[in-house]
């Protein structure tokens, strides 16, 4: 395997808040803490206080958005630099943040390799790893929180996937290939997590509940609650 270049490290650090050295005292939670029934409730309660959220449904939705951004990071790193991070929920961590009241964290992603130049970029790797190993278990877990729709969690991830293809100039043909891959590759059951929203406009079809955070005064851009008024 080739080595990750300094340019790739700097890009992921500066533009995606990826930290390449883990300081355990900075860990807010590991992804495994959201999946394991014995730690999920305590993690959500702790993060409810961090976010100053009114309930656990809002807390879980906002955490789902932050995990959705992680999916964009993994996809971008793979398409832009050929970096294949090992999706290991025991090692991937969301870090504490003192910068933003709504907790926009830094991330530690764990081990990564760089694919060889002659290797073809594989959309199935994104489906089975970014979705199947990363997103699907977390969505399954967070969707058990009372008052939170599974569709909200899926769309929280989808909007960042769209963003990474539209704004970061990565290969858009991969996006279309992802739409063509059978739903079962994504680990989300019969529901295709991208086709579900792709037929709609750029506006969201669900509300992520961000407006319910106590320091928020308005809805997100494209929120269906405002567009339907």
C-alpha atoms as a PDB file:
ATOM      1  CA  UNK A   1       0.000   0.000   0.000  1.00  0.00           C
ATOM      2  CA  UNK A   2       1.103   3.557  -0.712  1.00  0.00           C
ATOM      3  CA  UNK A   3       1.357   6.095   2.082  1.00  0.00           C
ATOM      4  CA  UNK A   4      -1.127   8.852   2.757  1.00  0.00           C
ATOM      5  CA  UNK A   5       0.337  12.159   1.550  1.00  0.00           C
ATOM      6  CA  UNK A   6       0.742  15.243   3.695  1.00  0.00           C
ATOM      7  CA  UNK A   7      -1.619  17.052   1.331  1.00  0.00           C
ATOM      8  CA  UNK A   8      -4.366  14.529   2.070  1.00  0.00           C
ATOM      9  CA  UNK A   9      -3.762  14.745   5.809  1.00  0.00           C
ATOM     10  CA  UNK A  10      -3.842  18.542   5.734  1.00  0.00           C
ATOM     11  CA  UNK A  11      -7.019  18.645   3.649  1.00  0.00           C
ATOM     12  CA  UNK A  12      -8.850  16.241   5.952  1.00  0.00           C
ATOM     13  CA  UNK A  13      -7.595  18.118   8.990  1.00  0.00           C
ATOM     14  CA  UNK A  14      -8.347  21.657   7.803  1.00  0.00           C
ATOM     15  CA  UNK A  15     -11.617  21.075   5.939  1.00  0.00           C
ATOM     16  CA  UNK A  16     -13.139  18.049   7.657  1.00  0.00           C
ATOM     17  CA  UNK A  17     -11.888  18.292  11.247  1.00  0.00           C
ATOM     18  CA  UNK A  18     -10.137  14.916  11.108  1.00  0.00           C
ATOM     19  CA  UNK A  19      -7.544  14.407  13.841  1.00  0.00           C
ATOM     20  CA  UNK A  20      -4.879  11.807  13.158  1.00  0.00           C
ATOM     21  CA  UNK A  21      -3.666  11.381  16.720  1.00  0.00           C
ATOM     22  CA  UNK A  22      -6.131  10.332  19.403  1.00  0.00           C
ATOM     23  CA  UNK A  23      -6.010  11.918  22.847  1.00  0.00           C
ATOM     24  CA  UNK A  24      -8.411   9.836  24.907  1.00  0.00           C
ATOM     25  CA  UNK A  25      -9.277  12.702  27.230  1.00  0.00           C
ATOM     26  CA  UNK A  26     -10.807  14.492  24.224  1.00  0.00           C
ATOM     27  CA  UNK A  27     -13.208  11.655  23.319  1.00  0.00           C
ATOM     28  CA  UNK A  28     -16.902  12.524  23.617  1.00  0.00           C
ATOM     29  CA  UNK A  29     -17.848   8.971  22.633  1.00  0.00           C
ATOM     30  CA  UNK A  30     -16.797   6.097  20.412  1.00  0.00           C
ATOM     31  CA  UNK A  31     -19.284   4.998  17.773  1.00  0.00           C
ATOM     32  CA  UNK A  32     -19.668   1.671  19.567  1.00  0.00           C
ATOM     33  CA  UNK A  33     -21.203   3.600  22.467  1.00  0.00           C
ATOM     34  CA  UNK A  34     -24.173   4.485  20.249  1.00  0.00           C
ATOM     35  CA  UNK A  35     -24.732   0.880  19.178  1.00  0.00           C
ATOM     36  CA  UNK A  36     -24.323  -1.052  22.420  1.00  0.00           C
ATOM     37  CA  UNK A  37     -27.625  -1.078  24.391  1.00  0.00           C
ATOM     38  CA  UNK A  38     -25.731  -0.893  27.668  1.00  0.00           C
ATOM     39  CA  UNK A  39     -24.003   2.387  26.754  1.00  0.00           C
ATOM     40  CA  UNK A  40     -26.402   4.020  24.264  1.00  0.00           C
ATOM     41  CA  UNK A  41     -28.759   5.511  26.829  1.00  0.00           C
ATOM     42  CA  UNK A  42     -25.976   6.947  28.966  1.00  0.00           C
ATOM     43  CA  UNK A  43     -24.216   8.409  25.928  1.00  0.00           C
ATOM     44  CA  UNK A  44     -27.421  10.071  24.723  1.00  0.00           C
ATOM     45  CA  UNK A  45     -28.115  11.490  28.189  1.00  0.00           C
ATOM     46  CA  UNK A  46     -24.578  12.900  28.383  1.00  0.00           C
ATOM     47  CA  UNK A  47     -24.866  14.420  24.901  1.00  0.00           C
ATOM     48  CA  UNK A  48     -28.301  15.853  25.714  1.00  0.00           C
ATOM     49  CA  UNK A  49     -26.561  17.981  28.341  1.00  0.00           C
ATOM     50  CA  UNK A  50     -23.765  18.961  25.944  1.00  0.00           C
ATOM     51  CA  UNK A  51     -26.279  20.039  23.301  1.00  0.00           C
ATOM     52  CA  UNK A  52     -28.716  21.514  25.801  1.00  0.00           C
ATOM     53  CA  UNK A  53     -31.381  19.574  23.895  1.00  0.00           C
ATOM     54  CA  UNK A  54     -34.983  19.344  25.156  1.00  0.00           C
ATOM     55  CA  UNK A  55     -35.187  15.542  24.818  1.00  0.00           C
ATOM     56  CA  UNK A  56     -33.385  12.440  23.610  1.00  0.00           C
ATOM     57  CA  UNK A  57     -35.102  12.445  20.197  1.00  0.00           C
ATOM     58  CA  UNK A  58     -33.538  15.812  19.323  1.00  0.00           C
ATOM     59  CA  UNK A  59     -30.231  14.636  20.791  1.00  0.00           C
ATOM     60  CA  UNK A  60     -30.212  11.451  18.693  1.00  0.00           C
ATOM     61  CA  UNK A  61     -31.130  13.338  15.515  1.00  0.00           C
ATOM     62  CA  UNK A  62     -28.310  15.854  15.933  1.00  0.00           C
ATOM     63  CA  UNK A  63     -25.846  13.068  16.675  1.00  0.00           C
ATOM     64  CA  UNK A  64     -27.154  11.330  13.547  1.00  0.00           C
ATOM     65  CA  UNK A  65     -26.294  14.456  11.536  1.00  0.00           C
ATOM     66  CA  UNK A  66     -22.765  14.496  12.931  1.00  0.00           C
ATOM     67  CA  UNK A  67     -22.354  10.819  12.020  1.00  0.00           C
ATOM     68  CA  UNK A  68     -23.768  11.618   8.583  1.00  0.00           C
ATOM     69  CA  UNK A  69     -20.893  14.045   8.101  1.00  0.00           C
ATOM     70  CA  UNK A  70     -18.531  11.215   8.943  1.00  0.00           C
ATOM     71  CA  UNK A  71     -19.959   9.297   5.990  1.00  0.00           C
ATOM     72  CA  UNK A  72     -19.124  12.225   3.736  1.00  0.00           C
ATOM     73  CA  UNK A  73     -15.569  12.255   5.088  1.00  0.00           C
ATOM     74  CA  UNK A  74     -15.004   8.565   4.399  1.00  0.00           C
ATOM     75  CA  UNK A  75     -16.474   8.918   0.896  1.00  0.00           C
ATOM     76  CA  UNK A  76     -14.399  12.006   0.099  1.00  0.00           C
ATOM     77  CA  UNK A  77     -11.162  10.456   1.397  1.00  0.00           C
ATOM     78  CA  UNK A  78     -11.729   7.400  -0.775  1.00  0.00           C
ATOM     79  CA  UNK A  79     -12.715   9.209  -3.965  1.00  0.00           C
ATOM     80  CA  UNK A  80     -10.283  12.103  -3.689  1.00  0.00           C
ATOM     81  CA  UNK A  81      -7.188  10.363  -2.343  1.00  0.00           C
ATOM     82  CA  UNK A  82      -7.845   6.631  -2.603  1.00  0.00           C
ATOM     83  CA  UNK A  83      -7.827   6.364   1.190  1.00  0.00           C
ATOM     84  CA  UNK A  84      -9.675   3.352   2.569  1.00  0.00           C
ATOM     85  CA  UNK A  85     -10.239   3.821   6.251  1.00  0.00           C
ATOM     86  CA  UNK A  86     -10.983   0.665   8.185  1.00  0.00           C
ATOM     87  CA  UNK A  87     -14.553   1.090   9.425  1.00  0.00           C
ATOM     88  CA  UNK A  88     -14.192   0.031  13.051  1.00  0.00           C
ATOM     89  CA  UNK A  89     -16.850   1.416  15.410  1.00  0.00           C
ATOM     90  CA  UNK A  90     -14.681   0.403  18.369  1.00  0.00           C
ATOM     91  CA  UNK A  91     -11.982   2.885  17.329  1.00  0.00           C
ATOM     92  CA  UNK A  92     -13.795   5.698  15.477  1.00  0.00           C
ATOM     93  CA  UNK A  93     -14.521   8.554  17.875  1.00  0.00           C
ATOM     94  CA  UNK A  94     -16.330  11.861  17.968  1.00  0.00           C
ATOM     95  CA  UNK A  95     -14.314  14.346  19.993  1.00  0.00           C
ATOM     96  CA  UNK A  96     -15.280  17.074  22.398  1.00  0.00           C
ATOM     97  CA  UNK A  97     -15.789  20.549  21.004  1.00  0.00           C
ATOM     98  CA  UNK A  98     -15.495  23.929  22.680  1.00  0.00           C
ATOM     99  CA  UNK A  99     -15.944  25.874  19.459  1.00  0.00           C
ATOM    100  CA  UNK A 100     -19.629  25.620  18.670  1.00  0.00           C
ATOM    101  CA  UNK A 101     -22.651  25.662  20.963  1.00  0.00           C
ATOM    102  CA  UNK A 102     -24.317  22.965  18.879  1.00  0.00           C
ATOM    103  CA  UNK A 103     -21.358  20.614  19.255  1.00  0.00           C
ATOM    104  CA  UNK A 104     -19.661  20.370  15.882  1.00  0.00           C
ATOM    105  CA  UNK A 105     -17.002  17.800  16.783  1.00  0.00           C
ATOM    106  CA  UNK A 106     -13.624  16.797  15.511  1.00  0.00           C
ATOM    107  CA  UNK A 107     -13.247  13.166  14.465  1.00  0.00           C
ATOM    108  CA  UNK A 108     -10.739  10.384  14.935  1.00  0.00           C
ATOM    109  CA  UNK A 109     -11.089   7.742  12.209  1.00  0.00           C
ATOM    110  CA  UNK A 110      -8.539   5.110  13.102  1.00  0.00           C
ATOM    111  CA  UNK A 111      -6.409   3.096  10.662  1.00  0.00           C
ATOM    112  CA  UNK A 112      -6.237   3.870   6.943  1.00  0.00           C
ATOM    113  CA  UNK A 113      -4.511   2.473   3.861  1.00  0.00           C
ATOM    114  CA  UNK A 114      -4.109   3.989   0.402  1.00  0.00           C
ATOM    115  CA  UNK A 115      -5.197   1.897  -2.557  1.00  0.00           C
ATOM    116  CA  UNK A 116      -2.793   1.394  -5.411  1.00  0.00           C
ATOM    117  CA  UNK A 117      -3.039   3.671  -8.464  1.00  0.00           C
ATOM    118  CA  UNK A 118      -4.222   0.884 -10.734  1.00  0.00           C
ATOM    119  CA  UNK A 119      -7.085  -0.127  -8.429  1.00  0.00           C
ATOM    120  CA  UNK A 120     -10.489   0.872  -9.742  1.00  0.00           C
ATOM    121  CA  UNK A 121     -12.647   3.031  -7.497  1.00  0.00           C
ATOM    122  CA  UNK A 122     -15.462   0.789  -6.319  1.00  0.00           C
ATOM    123  CA  UNK A 123     -18.882   2.249  -5.479  1.00  0.00           C
ATOM    124  CA  UNK A 124     -19.753  -0.995  -3.709  1.00  0.00           C
ATOM    125  CA  UNK A 125     -17.039  -0.276  -1.138  1.00  0.00           C
ATOM    126  CA  UNK A 126     -18.928   2.879  -0.161  1.00  0.00           C
ATOM    127  CA  UNK A 127     -22.254   1.030  -0.009  1.00  0.00           C
ATOM    128  CA  UNK A 128     -21.021  -1.921   2.043  1.00  0.00           C
ATOM    129  CA  UNK A 129     -18.575  -0.063   4.285  1.00  0.00           C
ATOM    130  CA  UNK A 130     -19.653   3.557   4.679  1.00  0.00           C
ATOM    131  CA  UNK A 131     -23.310   2.595   4.842  1.00  0.00           C
ATOM    132  CA  UNK A 132     -23.303  -1.082   5.805  1.00  0.00           C
ATOM    133  CA  UNK A 133     -20.634  -0.981   8.508  1.00  0.00           C
ATOM    134  CA  UNK A 134     -20.850   2.633   9.677  1.00  0.00           C
ATOM    135  CA  UNK A 135     -24.275   4.152   9.141  1.00  0.00           C
ATOM    136  CA  UNK A 136     -26.703   1.223   9.196  1.00  0.00           C
ATOM    137  CA  UNK A 137     -25.932  -0.031  12.749  1.00  0.00           C
ATOM    138  CA  UNK A 138     -26.068   3.498  14.160  1.00  0.00           C
ATOM    139  CA  UNK A 139     -29.331   4.305  12.374  1.00  0.00           C
ATOM    140  CA  UNK A 140     -30.819   1.042  13.641  1.00  0.00           C
ATOM    141  CA  UNK A 141     -29.769   1.931  17.169  1.00  0.00           C
ATOM    142  CA  UNK A 142     -30.798   5.598  17.221  1.00  0.00           C
ATOM    143  CA  UNK A 143     -34.142   4.838  15.570  1.00  0.00           C
ATOM    144  CA  UNK A 144     -35.186   3.074  18.789  1.00  0.00           C
ATOM    145  CA  UNK A 145     -35.330   6.466  20.529  1.00  0.00           C
ATOM    146  CA  UNK A 146     -38.947   7.450  21.071  1.00  0.00           C
ATOM    147  CA  UNK A 147     -40.087  10.340  18.873  1.00  0.00           C
ATOM    148  CA  UNK A 148     -37.397   9.972  16.201  1.00  0.00           C
ATOM    149  CA  UNK A 149     -38.160   8.685  12.720  1.00  0.00           C
ATOM    150  CA  UNK A 150     -35.766   6.336  10.938  1.00  0.00           C
ATOM    151  CA  UNK A 151     -36.385   8.405   7.797  1.00  0.00           C
ATOM    152  CA  UNK A 152     -34.990  11.506   9.527  1.00  0.00           C
ATOM    153  CA  UNK A 153     -31.781   9.638  10.346  1.00  0.00           C
ATOM    154  CA  UNK A 154     -31.438   8.362   6.782  1.00  0.00           C
ATOM    155  CA  UNK A 155     -31.930  11.842   5.351  1.00  0.00           C
ATOM    156  CA  UNK A 156     -29.437  13.306   7.827  1.00  0.00           C
ATOM    157  CA  UNK A 157     -26.845  11.103   6.101  1.00  0.00           C
ATOM    158  CA  UNK A 158     -28.117  11.606   2.566  1.00  0.00           C
ATOM    159  CA  UNK A 159     -27.793  15.401   2.614  1.00  0.00           C
ATOM    160  CA  UNK A 160     -24.075  15.109   3.368  1.00  0.00           C
ATOM    161  CA  UNK A 161     -23.589  12.532   0.618  1.00  0.00           C
ATOM    162  CA  UNK A 162     -25.172  14.964  -1.844  1.00  0.00           C
ATOM    163  CA  UNK A 163     -23.002  17.774  -0.479  1.00  0.00           C
ATOM    164  CA  UNK A 164     -19.768  15.850  -0.918  1.00  0.00           C
ATOM    165  CA  UNK A 165     -20.522  15.108  -4.574  1.00  0.00           C
ATOM    166  CA  UNK A 166     -21.867  18.556  -5.442  1.00  0.00           C
ATOM    167  CA  UNK A 167     -19.468  20.791  -3.553  1.00  0.00           C
ATOM    168  CA  UNK A 168     -16.167  18.917  -3.400  1.00  0.00           C
ATOM    169  CA  UNK A 169     -15.754  18.041  -7.076  1.00  0.00           C
ATOM    170  CA  UNK A 170     -15.414  14.298  -6.611  1.00  0.00           C
ATOM    171  CA  UNK A 171     -16.461  11.835  -9.326  1.00  0.00           C
ATOM    172  CA  UNK A 172     -20.240  12.255  -9.700  1.00  0.00           C
ATOM    173  CA  UNK A 173     -20.524   9.050 -11.682  1.00  0.00           C
ATOM    174  CA  UNK A 174     -20.000   7.225  -8.390  1.00  0.00           C
ATOM    175  CA  UNK A 175     -23.107   8.917  -7.012  1.00  0.00           C
ATOM    176  CA  UNK A 176     -25.164   7.498  -9.871  1.00  0.00           C
ATOM    177  CA  UNK A 177     -23.576   4.086  -9.403  1.00  0.00           C
ATOM    178  CA  UNK A 178     -24.590   4.182  -5.747  1.00  0.00           C
ATOM    179  CA  UNK A 179     -28.181   4.813  -6.804  1.00  0.00           C
ATOM    180  CA  UNK A 180     -28.032   1.714  -9.004  1.00  0.00           C
ATOM    181  CA  UNK A 181     -26.582  -0.617  -6.352  1.00  0.00           C
ATOM    182  CA  UNK A 182     -29.249  -2.883  -4.774  1.00  0.00           C
ATOM    183  CA  UNK A 183     -30.593  -1.721  -1.419  1.00  0.00           C
ATOM    184  CA  UNK A 184     -29.365  -4.793   0.465  1.00  0.00           C
ATOM    185  CA  UNK A 185     -25.739  -3.759  -0.080  1.00  0.00           C
ATOM    186  CA  UNK A 186     -26.301  -0.743   2.197  1.00  0.00           C
ATOM    187  CA  UNK A 187     -27.423  -2.748   5.214  1.00  0.00           C
ATOM    188  CA  UNK A 188     -30.623  -0.739   5.535  1.00  0.00           C
ATOM    189  CA  UNK A 189     -33.095  -3.480   4.637  1.00  0.00           C
ATOM    190  CA  UNK A 190     -35.414  -3.052   1.682  1.00  0.00           C
ATOM    191  CA  UNK A 191     -35.116   0.730   1.858  1.00  0.00           C
ATOM    192  CA  UNK A 192     -32.477   2.188  -0.463  1.00  0.00           C
ATOM    193  CA  UNK A 193     -31.018   5.013   1.667  1.00  0.00           C
ATOM    194  CA  UNK A 194     -30.230   7.222  -1.327  1.00  0.00           C
ATOM    195  CA  UNK A 195     -33.028   6.502  -3.796  1.00  0.00           C
ATOM    196  CA  UNK A 196     -35.511   7.286  -1.024  1.00  0.00           C
ATOM    197  CA  UNK A 197     -34.647  10.986  -1.305  1.00  0.00           C
ATOM    198  CA  UNK A 198     -33.080  11.373  -4.729  1.00  0.00           C
ATOM    199  CA  UNK A 199     -36.369  11.911  -6.572  1.00  0.00           C
ATOM    200  CA  UNK A 200     -37.116  14.984  -4.483  1.00  0.00           C
ATOM    201  CA  UNK A 201     -35.861  18.543  -4.858  1.00  0.00           C
ATOM    202  CA  UNK A 202     -32.802  19.821  -3.029  1.00  0.00           C
ATOM    203  CA  UNK A 203     -35.032  20.634  -0.060  1.00  0.00           C
ATOM    204  CA  UNK A 204     -35.315  18.112   2.753  1.00  0.00           C
ATOM    205  CA  UNK A 205     -38.389  15.938   3.112  1.00  0.00           C
ATOM    206  CA  UNK A 206     -37.969  15.552   6.884  1.00  0.00           C
ATOM    207  CA  UNK A 207     -37.088  17.941   9.715  1.00  0.00           C
ATOM    208  CA  UNK A 208     -33.881  17.106  11.575  1.00  0.00           C
ATOM    209  CA  UNK A 209     -35.227  18.805  14.762  1.00  0.00           C
ATOM    210  CA  UNK A 210     -32.238  21.136  14.961  1.00  0.00           C
ATOM    211  CA  UNK A 211     -34.542  24.117  15.514  1.00  0.00           C
ATOM    212  CA  UNK A 212     -35.555  22.634  18.877  1.00  0.00           C
ATOM    213  CA  UNK A 213     -32.110  23.210  20.341  1.00  0.00           C
ATOM    214  CA  UNK A 214     -32.427  26.003  22.865  1.00  0.00           C
ATOM    215  CA  UNK A 215     -29.833  28.265  21.250  1.00  0.00           C
ATOM    216  CA  UNK A 216     -31.464  27.997  17.806  1.00  0.00           C
ATOM    217  CA  UNK A 217     -33.982  30.587  16.650  1.00  0.00           C
ATOM    218  CA  UNK A 218     -34.815  29.389  13.160  1.00  0.00           C
ATOM    219  CA  UNK A 219     -35.168  26.310  10.980  1.00  0.00           C
ATOM    220  CA  UNK A 220     -32.405  24.964   8.756  1.00  0.00           C
ATOM    221  CA  UNK A 221     -32.288  26.071   5.143  1.00  0.00           C
ATOM    222  CA  UNK A 222     -34.575  23.812   3.108  1.00  0.00           C
ATOM    223  CA  UNK A 223     -36.518  22.583   6.167  1.00  0.00           C
ATOM    224  CA  UNK A 224     -39.919  21.185   5.089  1.00  0.00           C
ATOM    225  CA  UNK A 225     -41.595  22.828   8.085  1.00  0.00           C
ATOM    226  CA  UNK A 226     -40.900  26.250   6.591  1.00  0.00           C
ATOM    227  CA  UNK A 227     -41.281  25.308   2.926  1.00  0.00           C
ATOM    228  CA  UNK A 228     -44.755  23.913   3.485  1.00  0.00           C
ATOM    229  CA  UNK A 229     -46.056  27.049   5.129  1.00  0.00           C
END
